[in-house]
Protein backbone atom coordinates (compact mmCIF):
# COMPACT_ATOMS: atom_id res chain seq x y z
CA MET A 1 16.75 53.45 -23.13
CA VAL A 2 20.32 52.95 -22.03
CA ASN A 3 23.04 51.25 -24.09
CA PRO A 4 25.92 50.79 -21.64
CA SER A 5 29.55 50.27 -22.61
CA VAL A 6 31.08 47.00 -21.42
CA GLY A 7 32.81 47.35 -18.05
CA GLU A 8 31.73 50.96 -17.46
CA PRO A 9 28.62 52.16 -15.63
CA THR A 10 26.32 54.27 -17.82
CA HIS A 11 23.94 56.80 -16.35
CA ARG A 12 21.09 58.90 -17.73
CA VAL A 13 18.33 61.06 -16.33
CA PHE A 14 14.97 61.52 -18.03
CA PHE A 15 12.48 64.11 -16.82
CA ASN A 16 9.37 66.06 -17.72
CA HIS A 17 6.76 68.27 -16.13
CA VAL A 18 3.03 68.44 -16.85
CA TRP A 19 0.86 71.42 -15.95
CA PRO A 20 -2.49 72.78 -17.06
CA PHE A 21 -2.69 74.84 -20.18
CA ALA A 22 -6.38 75.74 -20.47
CA ARG A 23 -7.97 74.78 -17.19
CA GLU A 24 -11.70 74.19 -17.19
CA VAL A 25 -13.73 74.10 -13.99
CA HIS A 26 -14.81 70.43 -14.31
CA ARG A 27 -11.26 69.13 -14.94
CA THR A 28 -8.84 67.98 -12.26
CA TYR A 29 -5.86 70.27 -11.66
CA VAL A 30 -2.60 68.61 -12.77
CA SER A 31 0.92 69.71 -11.93
CA SER A 32 3.41 66.86 -11.75
CA THR A 33 7.08 66.22 -12.38
CA PHE A 34 8.46 62.90 -13.62
CA LEU A 35 12.11 62.05 -12.90
CA GLN A 36 13.83 58.83 -13.97
CA PRO A 37 17.52 58.41 -13.10
CA VAL A 38 19.02 55.25 -14.66
CA ILE A 39 22.32 53.47 -13.97
CA ALA A 40 23.33 50.45 -16.09
CA TYR A 41 26.38 48.20 -16.11
CA ALA A 42 27.24 45.72 -18.88
CA THR A 43 29.56 42.78 -18.26
CA LYS A 44 31.86 41.05 -20.75
CA THR A 45 29.47 38.07 -20.75
CA GLU A 46 26.74 40.23 -22.38
CA THR A 47 24.71 40.62 -19.19
CA THR A 48 23.42 44.08 -18.30
CA PHE A 49 22.30 45.14 -14.81
CA THR A 50 20.06 48.21 -14.63
CA PHE A 51 18.82 50.19 -11.62
CA ASN A 52 16.31 53.03 -11.95
CA THR A 53 13.47 54.83 -10.27
CA GLU A 54 10.39 56.22 -12.01
CA SER A 55 9.75 59.01 -9.53
CA SER A 56 6.88 61.43 -9.83
CA TYR A 57 5.97 64.42 -7.70
CA ASP A 58 2.43 65.77 -7.48
CA TRP A 59 2.82 69.50 -6.79
CA HIS A 60 -0.88 69.99 -6.05
CA ASN A 61 -1.03 67.29 -3.34
CA ASP A 62 2.62 67.60 -2.23
CA GLN A 63 3.24 63.85 -2.70
CA TRP A 64 6.14 61.75 -4.06
CA THR A 65 5.77 58.32 -5.68
CA VAL A 66 9.11 56.48 -6.03
CA PRO A 67 8.98 52.93 -7.39
CA ILE A 68 12.41 51.28 -7.68
CA ASN A 69 13.30 48.94 -10.57
CA ILE A 70 16.21 46.49 -10.71
CA LYS A 71 16.66 44.57 -13.94
CA ARG A 72 19.03 41.98 -15.44
CA ASN A 73 19.18 41.47 -19.24
CA GLU A 74 21.10 38.96 -21.29
CA ASP A 75 21.92 39.68 -24.94
CA GLN A 76 21.93 36.68 -27.26
CA GLN A 77 23.33 36.52 -30.80
CA VAL A 78 21.01 34.81 -33.29
CA SER A 79 22.25 34.93 -36.87
CA PRO A 80 23.43 38.50 -37.63
CA ARG A 81 20.97 40.06 -35.13
CA ILE A 82 21.22 40.49 -31.37
CA ILE A 83 18.17 39.60 -29.28
CA VAL A 84 17.77 40.98 -25.77
CA ALA A 85 16.15 38.57 -23.30
CA ILE A 86 14.53 40.47 -20.44
């Protein structure tokens, strides 16, 4: 989750790695890394633009998967609460 400041780009990177702990013969070998860089920009009109990838690397099969996401959100004030319309 990214909460950008108005007028300034905000960036974050999320990552993890999964590997076997107690491998049994009948289970599939797993060794993968997940990497998610995120860049978001909020305008003064309460619109946020977000760009990120949800990249994963399979170390066993030597293969990258890199989907790209581009998103636009608009925040709306309803009573004392803010609602984010995605």
